[in-house]
């Protein structure tokens, strides 16, 4: 009995050290060595400051910027979660109707893309569809005093295709698109 107990204790210590310390350190070290940008959260810098992550949505409320999908967690990365409201829940229906009405007032001649009124499963989806970006072009162009064609071109330049040509859907990263807008504004004010 004592021999079995000692074996069990030694195996517990060995597997704890191997799987709880050595393995995570090796995997972290390899990730830092091979994929440092991804391992560190794909942080985005502008003017020498970290302004966000290309993996997490953040709130852009100014009409001068493209807006992300609504967030059930107020864009809080420590609380990733969807709303947990079912499709027949009155609170969800009322919020979607309200958001749709506001967006229709902004762009009355265009259908509202679904991703501008629904939250993602994580509540922090950093991407919108090209249709959702296109829907916002007129507002952003007007607020920035640039042509819609110029803003549309930025949307096209920041649209990522399907991964490997067949996985997922085309998407636009809102943070990167808004940084491109700021870069455009800085370039035009410098002239």
Protein backbone atom coordinates (compact mmCIF):
# COMPACT_ATOMS: atom_id res chain seq x y z
CA UNK A 1 0.00 0.00 0.00
CA UNK A 2 2.77 2.41 0.98
CA UNK A 3 4.63 1.72 -2.28
CA UNK A 4 1.48 2.50 -4.32
CA UNK A 5 0.91 5.71 -2.37
CA UNK A 6 4.51 6.87 -2.96
CA UNK A 7 4.20 6.07 -6.67
CA UNK A 8 0.96 8.07 -6.89
CA UNK A 9 2.48 11.08 -5.08
CA UNK A 10 5.64 11.03 -7.24
CA UNK A 11 3.57 10.72 -10.44
CA UNK A 12 1.39 13.65 -9.34
CA UNK A 13 4.47 15.80 -8.69
CA UNK A 14 6.12 14.73 -11.97
CA UNK A 15 3.04 15.39 -14.11
CA UNK A 16 2.38 18.70 -12.36
CA UNK A 17 5.92 19.88 -13.06
CA UNK A 18 5.93 18.52 -16.62
CA UNK A 19 2.42 19.59 -17.69
CA UNK A 20 1.90 22.57 -15.40
CA UNK A 21 5.28 24.27 -15.71
CA UNK A 22 7.60 22.86 -18.38
CA UNK A 23 5.05 22.33 -21.17
CA UNK A 24 3.44 25.81 -20.87
CA UNK A 25 6.89 27.46 -20.80
CA UNK A 26 8.00 25.56 -23.92
CA UNK A 27 4.78 26.38 -25.82
CA UNK A 28 4.93 30.05 -24.76
CA UNK A 29 8.59 30.26 -25.74
CA UNK A 30 7.93 28.69 -29.16
CA UNK A 31 4.98 31.02 -29.74
CA UNK A 32 7.10 34.05 -28.85
CA UNK A 33 9.90 32.82 -31.11
CA UNK A 34 7.81 31.78 -34.13
CA UNK A 35 4.75 34.08 -33.96
CA UNK A 36 5.54 37.02 -31.64
CA UNK A 37 2.83 39.35 -33.04
CA UNK A 38 0.09 36.74 -32.61
CA UNK A 39 1.40 35.55 -29.24
CA UNK A 40 1.19 39.08 -27.88
CA UNK A 41 -2.42 39.70 -28.91
CA UNK A 42 -1.83 41.37 -32.30
CA UNK A 43 -1.53 44.79 -30.70
CA UNK A 44 -1.83 47.76 -33.04
CA UNK A 45 0.36 50.84 -32.65
CA UNK A 46 -0.22 54.34 -33.98
CA UNK A 47 2.22 57.19 -33.39
CA UNK A 48 4.26 55.01 -31.04
CA UNK A 49 1.27 54.20 -28.79
CA UNK A 50 -0.69 50.98 -28.52
CA UNK A 51 -4.23 51.86 -29.62
CA UNK A 52 -5.86 48.44 -29.50
CA UNK A 53 -5.77 44.89 -30.72
CA UNK A 54 -6.84 43.74 -34.15
CA UNK A 55 -8.51 40.79 -32.37
CA UNK A 56 -10.90 42.77 -30.13
CA UNK A 57 -13.59 45.28 -31.00
CA UNK A 58 -13.59 48.63 -29.34
CA UNK A 59 -16.21 51.31 -29.19
CA UNK A 60 -16.13 54.01 -31.86
CA UNK A 61 -19.07 56.35 -31.31
CA UNK A 62 -18.00 59.46 -33.21
CA UNK A 63 -19.78 59.86 -36.55
CA UNK A 64 -16.31 60.46 -38.07
CA UNK A 65 -15.50 56.77 -37.59
CA UNK A 66 -16.85 53.45 -38.76
CA UNK A 67 -18.78 51.74 -35.98
CA UNK A 68 -18.31 48.09 -35.01
CA UNK A 69 -21.03 45.57 -34.27
CA UNK A 70 -22.98 46.24 -31.08
CA UNK A 71 -21.45 44.61 -28.01
CA UNK A 72 -23.40 42.78 -25.33
CA UNK A 73 -20.48 43.41 -22.93
CA UNK A 74 -19.81 47.11 -23.69
CA UNK A 75 -16.54 46.17 -25.44
CA UNK A 76 -15.06 44.91 -22.14
CA UNK A 77 -12.41 42.29 -23.02
CA UNK A 78 -12.51 40.83 -19.51
CA UNK A 79 -16.14 39.83 -19.98
CA UNK A 80 -16.49 38.11 -23.34
CA UNK A 81 -20.01 36.86 -23.80
CA UNK A 82 -23.03 37.22 -26.01
CA UNK A 83 -26.28 38.65 -24.75
CA UNK A 84 -27.79 35.20 -24.07
CA UNK A 85 -31.11 36.58 -25.30
CA UNK A 86 -33.14 34.27 -27.52
CA UNK A 87 -34.65 35.41 -30.83
CA UNK A 88 -38.10 35.87 -29.25
CA UNK A 89 -36.87 37.86 -26.25
CA UNK A 90 -38.64 41.23 -26.16
CA UNK A 91 -35.57 43.12 -24.86
CA UNK A 92 -33.54 41.87 -27.85
CA UNK A 93 -36.32 42.63 -30.33
CA UNK A 94 -36.77 46.15 -28.93
CA UNK A 95 -33.01 46.86 -29.04
CA UNK A 96 -32.69 45.61 -32.62
CA UNK A 97 -35.74 47.66 -33.70
CA UNK A 98 -34.31 50.76 -32.03
CA UNK A 99 -30.86 50.28 -33.58
CA UNK A 100 -32.42 49.60 -36.98
CA UNK A 101 -34.52 52.78 -36.79
CA UNK A 102 -31.48 54.87 -35.88
CA UNK A 103 -29.45 53.39 -38.74
CA UNK A 104 -32.30 53.85 -41.23
CA UNK A 105 -32.45 57.52 -40.26
CA UNK A 106 -28.72 57.76 -41.00
CA UNK A 107 -29.02 56.04 -44.40
CA UNK A 108 -32.71 55.84 -45.39
CA UNK A 109 -32.21 54.42 -48.89
CA UNK A 110 -30.19 51.35 -47.94
CA UNK A 111 -31.10 48.11 -46.17
CA UNK A 112 -29.46 47.82 -42.74
CA UNK A 113 -26.84 45.02 -42.65
CA UNK A 114 -27.65 42.50 -39.94
CA UNK A 115 -24.23 42.74 -38.31
CA UNK A 116 -24.82 46.41 -37.43
CA UNK A 117 -27.78 45.50 -35.21
CA UNK A 118 -26.78 42.10 -33.78
CA UNK A 119 -24.00 41.25 -31.36
CA UNK A 120 -21.46 38.50 -31.92
CA UNK A 121 -21.15 35.45 -29.68
CA UNK A 122 -18.13 36.95 -27.89
CA UNK A 123 -19.46 40.50 -27.84
CA UNK A 124 -16.03 41.62 -29.13
CA UNK A 125 -15.98 40.77 -32.85
CA UNK A 126 -13.47 43.24 -34.38
CA UNK A 127 -14.75 42.80 -37.93
CA UNK A 128 -17.81 43.89 -39.87
CA UNK A 129 -18.98 42.77 -43.28
CA UNK A 130 -18.08 44.83 -46.33
CA UNK A 131 -21.82 45.60 -46.61
CA UNK A 132 -21.81 47.06 -43.08
CA UNK A 133 -18.80 49.21 -43.95
CA UNK A 134 -20.40 50.33 -47.22
CA UNK A 135 -23.55 51.29 -45.30
CA UNK A 136 -21.50 53.74 -43.21
CA UNK A 137 -19.48 55.29 -46.07
CA UNK A 138 -21.81 58.27 -46.67
CA UNK A 139 -21.84 59.32 -43.00
CA UNK A 140 -18.07 58.99 -42.57
CA UNK A 141 -17.31 60.82 -45.83
CA UNK A 142 -19.65 63.69 -44.93
CA UNK A 143 -18.25 64.02 -41.40
CA UNK A 144 -14.65 64.02 -42.63
CA UNK A 145 -15.26 66.25 -45.63
CA UNK A 146 -13.88 63.77 -48.14
CA UNK A 147 -15.49 62.12 -51.14
CA UNK A 148 -17.49 58.93 -50.74
CA UNK A 149 -15.28 57.40 -53.45
CA UNK A 150 -12.17 58.03 -51.31
CA UNK A 151 -13.76 56.39 -48.28
CA UNK A 152 -15.08 53.52 -50.42
CA UNK A 153 -11.54 52.95 -51.71
CA UNK A 154 -10.27 52.73 -48.10
CA UNK A 155 -12.96 50.15 -47.35
CA UNK A 156 -11.87 48.08 -50.36
CA UNK A 157 -8.21 48.34 -49.33
CA UNK A 158 -9.07 47.16 -45.81
CA UNK A 159 -11.36 44.30 -46.83
CA UNK A 160 -9.80 40.94 -46.04
CA UNK A 161 -10.84 38.08 -48.34
CA UNK A 162 -11.89 34.61 -47.26
CA UNK A 163 -9.04 32.78 -45.57
CA UNK A 164 -7.30 30.47 -48.07
CA UNK A 165 -9.92 31.59 -50.61
CA UNK A 166 -12.74 29.48 -49.17
CA UNK A 167 -12.93 29.74 -45.35
CA UNK A 168 -15.15 32.34 -43.70
CA UNK A 169 -16.49 35.49 -45.30
CA UNK A 170 -14.86 38.71 -46.48
CA UNK A 171 -14.49 41.11 -43.55
CA UNK A 172 -13.30 44.56 -42.59
CA UNK A 173 -11.36 45.16 -39.37
CA UNK A 174 -12.93 48.31 -37.88
CA UNK A 175 -9.84 49.44 -35.94
CA UNK A 176 -7.56 49.17 -38.95
CA UNK A 177 -10.08 50.93 -41.19
CA UNK A 178 -10.45 53.79 -38.71
CA UNK A 179 -6.67 54.10 -38.40
CA UNK A 180 -6.47 54.29 -42.21
CA UNK A 181 -9.07 57.08 -42.06
CA UNK A 182 -6.99 58.98 -39.51
CA UNK A 183 -3.90 58.47 -41.65
CA UNK A 184 -5.81 59.84 -44.66
CA UNK A 185 -6.89 62.88 -42.64
CA UNK A 186 -3.32 63.53 -41.48
CA UNK A 187 -2.07 63.28 -45.06
CA UNK A 188 -4.69 65.68 -46.40
CA UNK A 189 -4.14 68.21 -43.61
CA UNK A 190 -0.39 68.14 -44.29
CA UNK A 191 -0.94 69.28 -47.88
